[in-house]
Each structure stands twice: as structure tokens, then as C-alpha cells.
Amino acid sequence: MFAKSLPKKRGVVGVVAAAAAAAGMMLATAPAAQAVPGDCTISSGSSLSSLCTSGTGQHRIHAVLNPLDPRLPQRIILGDWAPVGQASVVSNPWGAAYVVNAWADRID
């Protein structure tokens, strides 16, 4: 009777060992964690730009401008998405005096 239960225990141990090995392989091959870009700076003038220097995601310049004619609504301008270390730049058609707010949108 003991001899018959021994192979079952070995089979269970083998299955558990195989599952643990598979889980370890998945952890070893998992992608690196992503981090939202940080250390972002904004530049304003005839163009607007954002530059983020830490993290691993992407960012873009996002700005709100007052219109030349105060009867018109504010205008939103967006730069292209850029990876960390590269600038996102957009033309500012009205100049720095019309910038109400500017920031970097960030994604991981």
C-alpha cells in the first residue's frame, strides 16, 4: 500500500516543481516596469516645448492660449508625443504673451 502512494506523491511533487519553474520563467521574461516621464521642463516663446528627462514613457506639450480677439474662445494646442529625452514642440501662432497655461501630458 505504501509503495502505491509513493508514485502519486512523486507525481504531485513533479507537477508542483514544473509549475514553480514555469512561474519563474514568466517572471524572468516579464517586461521592465514602465514609469511615467518626470523632470519635465516647459519652454514658451514663438514655439512651445516640453522636455522630460526621466522615466520611460512619452510626453507632449499641451497649452491653452488666449485669442487675439477677446470675444473668441481660448485655443488649445498640442505637440506630438515624444519619448523621454526628446522634445515635443508645437508652433505658438500668437506669441508668449497669449499663453494662459502650458504643461506636459505624460503617459507610461
N, C-alpha and C. Protein backbone atom coordinates (compact mmCIF):
# COMPACT_ATOMS: atom_id res chain seq x y z
N MET A 1 0.82 -1.18 0.00
CA MET A 1 0.00 0.00 0.00
C MET A 1 0.87 1.25 0.00
N PHE A 2 1.90 1.31 0.80
CA PHE A 2 2.81 2.45 0.84
C PHE A 2 3.50 2.64 -0.51
N ALA A 3 3.85 1.56 -1.17
CA ALA A 3 4.54 1.64 -2.45
C ALA A 3 3.65 2.25 -3.51
N LYS A 4 2.34 2.02 -3.45
CA LYS A 4 1.44 2.60 -4.45
C LYS A 4 1.26 4.10 -4.25
N SER A 5 1.26 4.59 -3.02
CA SER A 5 1.05 6.02 -2.79
C SER A 5 2.31 6.83 -3.07
N LEU A 6 3.46 6.23 -3.02
CA LEU A 6 4.72 6.92 -3.26
C LEU A 6 4.79 7.49 -4.68
N PRO A 7 4.43 6.73 -5.73
CA PRO A 7 4.47 7.33 -7.07
C PRO A 7 3.52 8.51 -7.21
N LYS A 8 2.38 8.50 -6.55
CA LYS A 8 1.46 9.63 -6.62
C LYS A 8 2.09 10.87 -6.01
N LYS A 9 2.76 10.68 -4.87
CA LYS A 9 3.42 11.82 -4.24
C LYS A 9 4.51 12.37 -5.13
N ARG A 10 5.26 11.48 -5.77
CA ARG A 10 6.30 11.94 -6.69
C ARG A 10 5.68 12.69 -7.86
N GLY A 11 4.53 12.22 -8.34
CA GLY A 11 3.85 12.89 -9.45
C GLY A 11 3.38 14.28 -9.06
N VAL A 12 2.84 14.41 -7.85
CA VAL A 12 2.39 15.71 -7.37
C VAL A 12 3.58 16.64 -7.18
N VAL A 13 4.65 16.13 -6.60
CA VAL A 13 5.85 16.94 -6.41
C VAL A 13 6.40 17.39 -7.76
N GLY A 14 6.37 16.51 -8.74
CA GLY A 14 6.85 16.85 -10.07
C GLY A 14 6.00 17.94 -10.71
N VAL A 15 4.68 17.86 -10.54
CA VAL A 15 3.78 18.88 -11.10
C VAL A 15 4.02 20.22 -10.42
N VAL A 16 4.16 20.20 -9.10
CA VAL A 16 4.41 21.44 -8.36
C VAL A 16 5.75 22.05 -8.79
N ALA A 17 6.77 21.23 -8.94
CA ALA A 17 8.08 21.72 -9.37
C ALA A 17 8.01 22.32 -10.78
N ALA A 18 7.27 21.65 -11.67
CA ALA A 18 7.13 22.17 -13.03
C ALA A 18 6.39 23.50 -13.03
N ALA A 19 5.33 23.61 -12.20
CA ALA A 19 4.58 24.86 -12.13
C ALA A 19 5.46 25.99 -11.58
N ALA A 20 6.25 25.69 -10.56
CA ALA A 20 7.14 26.70 -9.99
C ALA A 20 8.18 27.14 -11.01
N ALA A 21 8.70 26.19 -11.77
CA ALA A 21 9.70 26.53 -12.79
C ALA A 21 9.06 27.42 -13.87
N ALA A 22 7.84 27.09 -14.28
CA ALA A 22 7.16 27.89 -15.30
C ALA A 22 6.89 29.31 -14.79
N ALA A 23 6.46 29.42 -13.53
CA ALA A 23 6.22 30.75 -12.95
C ALA A 23 7.52 31.55 -12.89
N GLY A 24 8.61 30.90 -12.53
CA GLY A 24 9.90 31.58 -12.50
C GLY A 24 10.33 32.06 -13.88
N MET A 25 10.05 31.26 -14.90
CA MET A 25 10.39 31.67 -16.27
C MET A 25 9.58 32.89 -16.68
N MET A 26 8.30 32.93 -16.30
CA MET A 26 7.47 34.08 -16.66
C MET A 26 7.98 35.34 -15.97
N LEU A 27 8.38 35.24 -14.72
CA LEU A 27 8.92 36.40 -14.02
C LEU A 27 10.24 36.84 -14.62
N ALA A 28 11.05 35.91 -15.03
CA ALA A 28 12.36 36.24 -15.60
C ALA A 28 12.21 36.93 -16.95
N THR A 29 11.15 36.63 -17.69
CA THR A 29 10.98 37.22 -19.01
C THR A 29 9.96 38.35 -19.02
N ALA A 30 9.46 38.77 -17.87
CA ALA A 30 8.48 39.87 -17.81
C ALA A 30 9.16 41.17 -18.25
N PRO A 31 8.41 42.04 -18.94
CA PRO A 31 8.99 43.31 -19.37
C PRO A 31 9.30 44.20 -18.16
N ALA A 32 10.24 45.10 -18.35
CA ALA A 32 10.59 46.04 -17.28
C ALA A 32 9.41 46.95 -16.99
N ALA A 33 9.27 47.35 -15.76
CA ALA A 33 8.17 48.23 -15.37
C ALA A 33 8.32 49.58 -16.08
N GLN A 34 7.20 50.12 -16.51
CA GLN A 34 7.19 51.41 -17.16
C GLN A 34 7.04 52.50 -16.10
N ALA A 35 7.58 53.65 -16.36
CA ALA A 35 7.47 54.77 -15.43
C ALA A 35 7.04 56.00 -16.20
N VAL A 36 6.10 56.72 -15.65
CA VAL A 36 5.63 57.96 -16.27
C VAL A 36 6.81 58.92 -16.35
N PRO A 37 6.96 59.65 -17.46
CA PRO A 37 8.06 60.60 -17.58
C PRO A 37 8.05 61.62 -16.44
N GLY A 38 9.23 62.03 -16.04
CA GLY A 38 9.37 63.03 -14.97
C GLY A 38 10.44 64.03 -15.32
N ASP A 39 10.70 64.94 -14.40
CA ASP A 39 11.69 66.00 -14.59
C ASP A 39 11.43 66.74 -15.90
N CYS A 40 10.17 67.18 -16.08
CA CYS A 40 9.77 67.84 -17.32
C CYS A 40 9.92 69.35 -17.21
N THR A 41 10.41 69.96 -18.27
CA THR A 41 10.51 71.41 -18.35
C THR A 41 9.70 71.90 -19.53
N ILE A 42 9.16 73.10 -19.41
CA ILE A 42 8.35 73.71 -20.45
C ILE A 42 9.05 74.99 -20.92
N SER A 43 9.12 75.19 -22.23
CA SER A 43 9.68 76.41 -22.81
C SER A 43 8.60 77.09 -23.63
N SER A 44 8.52 78.42 -23.53
CA SER A 44 7.48 79.17 -24.21
C SER A 44 8.09 80.32 -24.98
N GLY A 45 7.56 80.58 -26.13
CA GLY A 45 8.00 81.68 -26.99
C GLY A 45 7.23 81.57 -28.30
N SER A 46 7.93 81.71 -29.43
CA SER A 46 7.26 81.56 -30.73
C SER A 46 6.89 80.10 -30.97
N SER A 47 7.48 79.22 -30.18
CA SER A 47 7.06 77.82 -30.16
C SER A 47 7.00 77.40 -28.69
N LEU A 48 6.25 76.35 -28.41
CA LEU A 48 6.16 75.80 -27.06
C LEU A 48 6.77 74.42 -27.09
N SER A 49 7.44 74.04 -26.02
CA SER A 49 8.02 72.70 -26.00
C SER A 49 8.03 72.15 -24.59
N SER A 50 8.02 70.82 -24.53
CA SER A 50 8.22 70.12 -23.26
C SER A 50 9.38 69.16 -23.47
N LEU A 51 10.15 68.97 -22.41
CA LEU A 51 11.25 68.01 -22.44
C LEU A 51 11.28 67.32 -21.09
N CYS A 52 11.12 66.00 -21.10
CA CYS A 52 11.18 65.19 -19.88
C CYS A 52 12.45 64.35 -19.93
N THR A 53 13.14 64.27 -18.82
CA THR A 53 14.45 63.60 -18.82
C THR A 53 14.52 62.36 -17.95
N SER A 54 13.43 61.97 -17.31
CA SER A 54 13.45 60.73 -16.53
C SER A 54 12.17 59.93 -16.81
N GLY A 55 12.20 58.64 -16.49
CA GLY A 55 11.07 57.77 -16.78
C GLY A 55 11.24 57.07 -18.11
N THR A 56 10.21 56.36 -18.54
CA THR A 56 10.33 55.58 -19.77
C THR A 56 9.16 55.75 -20.73
N GLY A 57 8.20 56.58 -20.40
CA GLY A 57 7.02 56.74 -21.25
C GLY A 57 7.20 57.81 -22.30
N GLN A 58 6.09 58.48 -22.61
CA GLN A 58 6.09 59.55 -23.60
C GLN A 58 5.43 60.79 -23.01
N HIS A 59 5.67 61.92 -23.64
CA HIS A 59 5.08 63.19 -23.20
C HIS A 59 4.77 64.04 -24.42
N ARG A 60 3.93 65.06 -24.22
CA ARG A 60 3.67 66.04 -25.27
C ARG A 60 3.33 67.37 -24.61
N ILE A 61 3.65 68.45 -25.29
CA ILE A 61 3.31 69.78 -24.81
C ILE A 61 1.81 70.00 -25.01
N HIS A 62 1.20 70.60 -24.02
CA HIS A 62 -0.24 70.89 -24.05
C HIS A 62 -0.38 72.32 -23.54
N ALA A 63 -0.97 73.20 -24.32
CA ALA A 63 -1.06 74.61 -23.93
C ALA A 63 -2.44 75.18 -24.23
N VAL A 64 -2.81 76.17 -23.42
CA VAL A 64 -4.04 76.94 -23.63
C VAL A 64 -3.62 78.37 -23.92
N LEU A 65 -4.15 78.92 -25.02
CA LEU A 65 -3.82 80.28 -25.44
C LEU A 65 -5.07 81.16 -25.39
N ASN A 66 -4.88 82.41 -24.98
CA ASN A 66 -5.95 83.39 -25.12
C ASN A 66 -5.99 83.81 -26.59
N PRO A 67 -7.16 84.11 -27.11
CA PRO A 67 -7.24 84.52 -28.53
C PRO A 67 -6.80 85.97 -28.72
N LEU A 68 -6.48 86.31 -29.95
CA LEU A 68 -6.15 87.69 -30.28
C LEU A 68 -7.37 88.59 -30.05
N ASP A 69 -8.54 88.07 -30.40
CA ASP A 69 -9.80 88.79 -30.20
C ASP A 69 -10.44 88.24 -28.93
N PRO A 70 -10.57 89.04 -27.87
CA PRO A 70 -11.08 88.54 -26.60
C PRO A 70 -12.52 88.03 -26.65
N ARG A 71 -13.23 88.29 -27.73
CA ARG A 71 -14.59 87.77 -27.87
C ARG A 71 -14.60 86.30 -28.28
N LEU A 72 -13.46 85.79 -28.71
CA LEU A 72 -13.36 84.40 -29.15
C LEU A 72 -12.92 83.50 -27.99
N PRO A 73 -13.19 82.20 -28.12
CA PRO A 73 -12.79 81.28 -27.03
C PRO A 73 -11.28 81.02 -27.03
N GLN A 74 -10.80 80.52 -25.91
CA GLN A 74 -9.39 80.14 -25.82
C GLN A 74 -9.09 79.01 -26.79
N ARG A 75 -7.83 78.86 -27.12
CA ARG A 75 -7.40 77.84 -28.08
C ARG A 75 -6.46 76.87 -27.39
N ILE A 76 -6.64 75.58 -27.66
CA ILE A 76 -5.76 74.53 -27.13
C ILE A 76 -4.84 74.08 -28.25
N ILE A 77 -3.55 74.00 -27.95
CA ILE A 77 -2.61 73.46 -28.93
C ILE A 77 -1.84 72.31 -28.28
N LEU A 78 -1.57 71.29 -29.08
CA LEU A 78 -0.91 70.08 -28.60
C LEU A 78 0.28 69.74 -29.49
N GLY A 79 1.37 69.33 -28.88
CA GLY A 79 2.52 68.83 -29.63
C GLY A 79 2.37 67.35 -29.89
N ASP A 80 3.27 66.80 -30.68
CA ASP A 80 3.29 65.36 -30.93
C ASP A 80 3.87 64.65 -29.70
N TRP A 81 3.47 63.38 -29.51
CA TRP A 81 4.04 62.58 -28.43
C TRP A 81 5.51 62.35 -28.72
N ALA A 82 6.34 62.46 -27.68
CA ALA A 82 7.79 62.28 -27.83
C ALA A 82 8.29 61.38 -26.69
N PRO A 83 9.30 60.56 -26.96
CA PRO A 83 9.87 59.74 -25.88
C PRO A 83 10.70 60.60 -24.93
N VAL A 84 10.96 60.05 -23.77
CA VAL A 84 11.81 60.74 -22.79
C VAL A 84 13.16 61.05 -23.44
N GLY A 85 13.64 62.26 -23.22
CA GLY A 85 14.91 62.68 -23.79
C GLY A 85 14.77 63.45 -25.09
N GLN A 86 13.59 63.44 -25.69
CA GLN A 86 13.34 64.21 -26.91
C GLN A 86 12.24 65.23 -26.62
N ALA A 87 12.30 66.35 -27.29
CA ALA A 87 11.34 67.44 -27.06
C ALA A 87 10.08 67.23 -27.89
N SER A 88 8.96 67.63 -27.30
CA SER A 88 7.69 67.76 -28.01
C SER A 88 7.52 69.25 -28.28
N VAL A 89 7.39 69.62 -29.55
CA VAL A 89 7.38 71.03 -29.92
C VAL A 89 6.14 71.32 -30.76
N VAL A 90 5.54 72.50 -30.52
CA VAL A 90 4.42 72.96 -31.33
C VAL A 90 4.58 74.46 -31.54
N SER A 91 4.16 74.94 -32.70
CA SER A 91 4.24 76.36 -33.02
C SER A 91 3.22 77.13 -32.18
N ASN A 92 3.62 78.30 -31.70
CA ASN A 92 2.74 79.18 -30.95
C ASN A 92 2.42 80.36 -31.86
N PRO A 93 1.26 80.34 -32.52
CA PRO A 93 0.99 81.35 -33.54
C PRO A 93 0.83 82.77 -33.01
N TRP A 94 0.56 82.96 -31.73
CA TRP A 94 0.28 84.30 -31.20
C TRP A 94 1.36 84.82 -30.26
N GLY A 95 2.35 84.03 -29.93
CA GLY A 95 3.43 84.51 -29.08
C GLY A 95 3.21 84.22 -27.59
N ALA A 96 4.28 84.39 -26.84
CA ALA A 96 4.30 84.02 -25.42
C ALA A 96 3.30 84.81 -24.59
N ALA A 97 2.96 86.02 -24.96
CA ALA A 97 2.05 86.85 -24.17
C ALA A 97 0.63 86.27 -24.12
N TYR A 98 0.30 85.38 -25.04
CA TYR A 98 -1.06 84.82 -25.09
C TYR A 98 -1.18 83.45 -24.42
N VAL A 99 -0.08 82.93 -23.88
CA VAL A 99 -0.11 81.62 -23.23
C VAL A 99 -0.75 81.78 -21.84
N VAL A 100 -1.86 81.08 -21.63
CA VAL A 100 -2.53 81.09 -20.33
C VAL A 100 -1.90 80.05 -19.43
N ASN A 101 -1.66 78.86 -19.97
CA ASN A 101 -1.09 77.76 -19.20
C ASN A 101 -0.46 76.77 -20.17
N ALA A 102 0.59 76.11 -19.75
CA ALA A 102 1.24 75.08 -20.55
C ALA A 102 1.78 74.01 -19.62
N TRP A 103 1.66 72.75 -20.04
CA TRP A 103 2.15 71.63 -19.24
C TRP A 103 2.47 70.47 -20.16
N ALA A 104 3.06 69.44 -19.60
CA ALA A 104 3.38 68.23 -20.35
C ALA A 104 2.37 67.14 -19.99
N ASP A 105 1.64 66.65 -21.00
CA ASP A 105 0.83 65.44 -20.82
C ASP A 105 1.83 64.28 -20.78
N ARG A 106 1.62 63.32 -19.90
CA ARG A 106 2.57 62.22 -19.75
C ARG A 106 1.83 60.89 -19.71
N ILE A 107 2.39 59.89 -20.40
CA ILE A 107 1.86 58.53 -20.35
C ILE A 107 3.03 57.55 -20.19
N ASP A 108 2.72 56.40 -19.62
CA ASP A 108 3.78 55.39 -19.47
C ASP A 108 3.68 54.35 -20.56
